[in-house]
Every structure is written in C-alpha cells, then in structure tokens.
Amino acid sequence: MRAAWSLKYRAAILERNPALQLLRIVEAYGAIQRQLEKLEKDSPERRKLDNAINTLDRLRNGDLRPQLDELRFTTKG
C-alpha cells in the first residue's frame, strides 16, 4: 500500500491538464510536508521526500515540462 503523499505526488507528476496540475502539486506538497513533520531528522525517508519536493518545485516552475511530455510520448503503446 502506497503512502498518501506518494499517491498525491504521482497524481501531480502525471496530471496533463495545466489547470489541474497546480492543484495536484499543492496537494502533494502539503502531504509531503505533513509526512516530513512526522519523521526524525536522520530518517532515510527524508531524502526521498526532499527529492519529491524539489521535483514538484521544478514541475511548478515549468522546468520539467518538456522532459515529461517526451517521456509520456515515448512510453505509449
């Protein structure tokens, strides 16, 4: 079973509608922040969550859009 933050993160990454993607990013960011608050400073999961936050920031800023579009195109059937 996937963690709630992971499901929201995946939804943000896979969302194609720009109007909905920002909402998904905000939801994922909040879920990740809540999970970070539960973890110890030296938790191994913290690095994974920090990387997810950085990816969401890049996605929100448009830095990942060309790479994600290319990935979606090349992985279709």
C-alpha atoms as a PDB file:
ATOM      1  CA  MET A   1       0.000   0.000   0.000  1.00  0.00           C
ATOM      2  CA  ARG A   2       1.397   3.377  -1.034  1.00  0.00           C
ATOM      3  CA  ALA A   3       1.659   6.267   1.375  1.00  0.00           C
ATOM      4  CA  ALA A   4      -0.837   9.112   0.893  1.00  0.00           C
ATOM      5  CA  TRP A   5       1.965  11.520  -0.027  1.00  0.00           C
ATOM      6  CA  SER A   6       3.166   9.125  -2.717  1.00  0.00           C
ATOM      7  CA  LEU A   7      -0.266   8.870  -4.334  1.00  0.00           C
ATOM      8  CA  LYS A   8      -0.664  12.650  -4.402  1.00  0.00           C
ATOM      9  CA  TYR A   9       2.882  13.091  -5.721  1.00  0.00           C
ATOM     10  CA  ARG A  10       2.256  10.636  -8.528  1.00  0.00           C
ATOM     11  CA  ALA A  11      -1.034  12.360  -9.407  1.00  0.00           C
ATOM     12  CA  ALA A  12       0.812  15.695  -9.666  1.00  0.00           C
ATOM     13  CA  ILE A  13       3.519  14.239 -11.889  1.00  0.00           C
ATOM     14  CA  LEU A  14       1.080  12.506 -14.220  1.00  0.00           C
ATOM     15  CA  GLU A  15      -1.541  15.273 -14.476  1.00  0.00           C
ATOM     16  CA  ARG A  16      -1.674  16.607 -18.030  1.00  0.00           C
ATOM     17  CA  ASN A  17      -4.213  19.389 -17.560  1.00  0.00           C
ATOM     18  CA  PRO A  18      -2.237  22.514 -16.536  1.00  0.00           C
ATOM     19  CA  ALA A  19      -5.202  23.919 -14.609  1.00  0.00           C
ATOM     20  CA  LEU A  20      -5.443  20.767 -12.503  1.00  0.00           C
ATOM     21  CA  GLN A  21      -1.730  20.166 -12.254  1.00  0.00           C
ATOM     22  CA  LEU A  22      -1.158  23.157  -9.996  1.00  0.00           C
ATOM     23  CA  LEU A  23      -3.871  21.868  -7.660  1.00  0.00           C
ATOM     24  CA  ARG A  24      -2.271  18.420  -7.636  1.00  0.00           C
ATOM     25  CA  ILE A  25       1.147  19.943  -6.915  1.00  0.00           C
ATOM     26  CA  VAL A  26      -0.250  21.903  -3.960  1.00  0.00           C
ATOM     27  CA  GLU A  27      -1.969  18.790  -2.589  1.00  0.00           C
ATOM     28  CA  ALA A  28       1.177  16.696  -2.955  1.00  0.00           C
ATOM     29  CA  TYR A  29       3.352  19.386  -1.407  1.00  0.00           C
ATOM     30  CA  GLY A  30       1.073  19.556   1.639  1.00  0.00           C
ATOM     31  CA  ALA A  31       1.011  15.780   2.057  1.00  0.00           C
ATOM     32  CA  ILE A  32       4.797  15.611   1.821  1.00  0.00           C
ATOM     33  CA  GLN A  33       5.208  18.424   4.350  1.00  0.00           C
ATOM     34  CA  ARG A  34       2.911  16.593   6.801  1.00  0.00           C
ATOM     35  CA  GLN A  35       4.957  13.421   6.363  1.00  0.00           C
ATOM     36  CA  LEU A  36       8.221  15.314   6.889  1.00  0.00           C
ATOM     37  CA  GLU A  37       6.907  16.635  10.209  1.00  0.00           C
ATOM     38  CA  LYS A  38       6.440  13.041  11.430  1.00  0.00           C
ATOM     39  CA  LEU A  39       9.972  11.918  10.572  1.00  0.00           C
ATOM     40  CA  GLU A  40      13.163  12.085  12.569  1.00  0.00           C
ATOM     41  CA  LYS A  41      15.852  14.406  11.184  1.00  0.00           C
ATOM     42  CA  ASP A  42      18.057  11.463  10.166  1.00  0.00           C
ATOM     43  CA  SER A  43      15.290   9.295   8.688  1.00  0.00           C
ATOM     44  CA  PRO A  44      16.196   7.593   5.381  1.00  0.00           C
ATOM     45  CA  GLU A  45      12.757   8.522   4.014  1.00  0.00           C
ATOM     46  CA  ARG A  46      13.523  12.227   4.489  1.00  0.00           C
ATOM     47  CA  ARG A  47      15.880  12.252   1.482  1.00  0.00           C
ATOM     48  CA  LYS A  48      13.184  10.716  -0.732  1.00  0.00           C
ATOM     49  CA  LEU A  49      10.697  13.345   0.433  1.00  0.00           C
ATOM     50  CA  ASP A  50      13.181  16.173  -0.091  1.00  0.00           C
ATOM     51  CA  ASN A  51      13.754  14.939  -3.642  1.00  0.00           C
ATOM     52  CA  ALA A  52       9.996  14.816  -4.234  1.00  0.00           C
ATOM     53  CA  ILE A  53       9.637  18.424  -3.003  1.00  0.00           C
ATOM     54  CA  ASN A  54      12.427  19.527  -5.337  1.00  0.00           C
ATOM     55  CA  THR A  55      10.777  17.753  -8.259  1.00  0.00           C
ATOM     56  CA  LEU A  56       7.427  19.408  -7.515  1.00  0.00           C
ATOM     57  CA  ASP A  57       9.147  22.800  -7.370  1.00  0.00           C
ATOM     58  CA  ARG A  58      10.728  22.193 -10.770  1.00  0.00           C
ATOM     59  CA  LEU A  59       7.430  20.983 -12.205  1.00  0.00           C
ATOM     60  CA  ARG A  60       5.586  24.040 -10.875  1.00  0.00           C
ATOM     61  CA  ASN A  61       8.215  26.328 -12.388  1.00  0.00           C
ATOM     62  CA  GLY A  62       7.947  24.610 -15.765  1.00  0.00           C
ATOM     63  CA  ASP A  63      11.476  23.204 -15.672  1.00  0.00           C
ATOM     64  CA  LEU A  64      10.321  19.615 -16.244  1.00  0.00           C
ATOM     65  CA  ARG A  65       7.520  20.085 -18.760  1.00  0.00           C
ATOM     66  CA  PRO A  66       9.499  19.212 -21.947  1.00  0.00           C
ATOM     67  CA  GLN A  67      11.073  16.112 -20.370  1.00  0.00           C
ATOM     68  CA  LEU A  68       7.753  14.839 -19.012  1.00  0.00           C
ATOM     69  CA  ASP A  69       5.971  15.377 -22.314  1.00  0.00           C
ATOM     70  CA  GLU A  70       8.715  13.480 -24.126  1.00  0.00           C
ATOM     71  CA  LEU A  71       8.575  10.660 -21.597  1.00  0.00           C
ATOM     72  CA  ARG A  72       4.796  10.335 -21.966  1.00  0.00           C
ATOM     73  CA  PHE A  73       5.157  10.239 -25.748  1.00  0.00           C
ATOM     74  CA  THR A  74       7.859   7.568 -25.809  1.00  0.00           C
ATOM     75  CA  THR A  75       6.177   5.259 -23.296  1.00  0.00           C
ATOM     76  CA  LYS A  76       2.823   4.989 -25.064  1.00  0.00           C
ATOM     77  CA  GLY A  77       1.982   1.571 -26.521  1.00  0.00           C
END
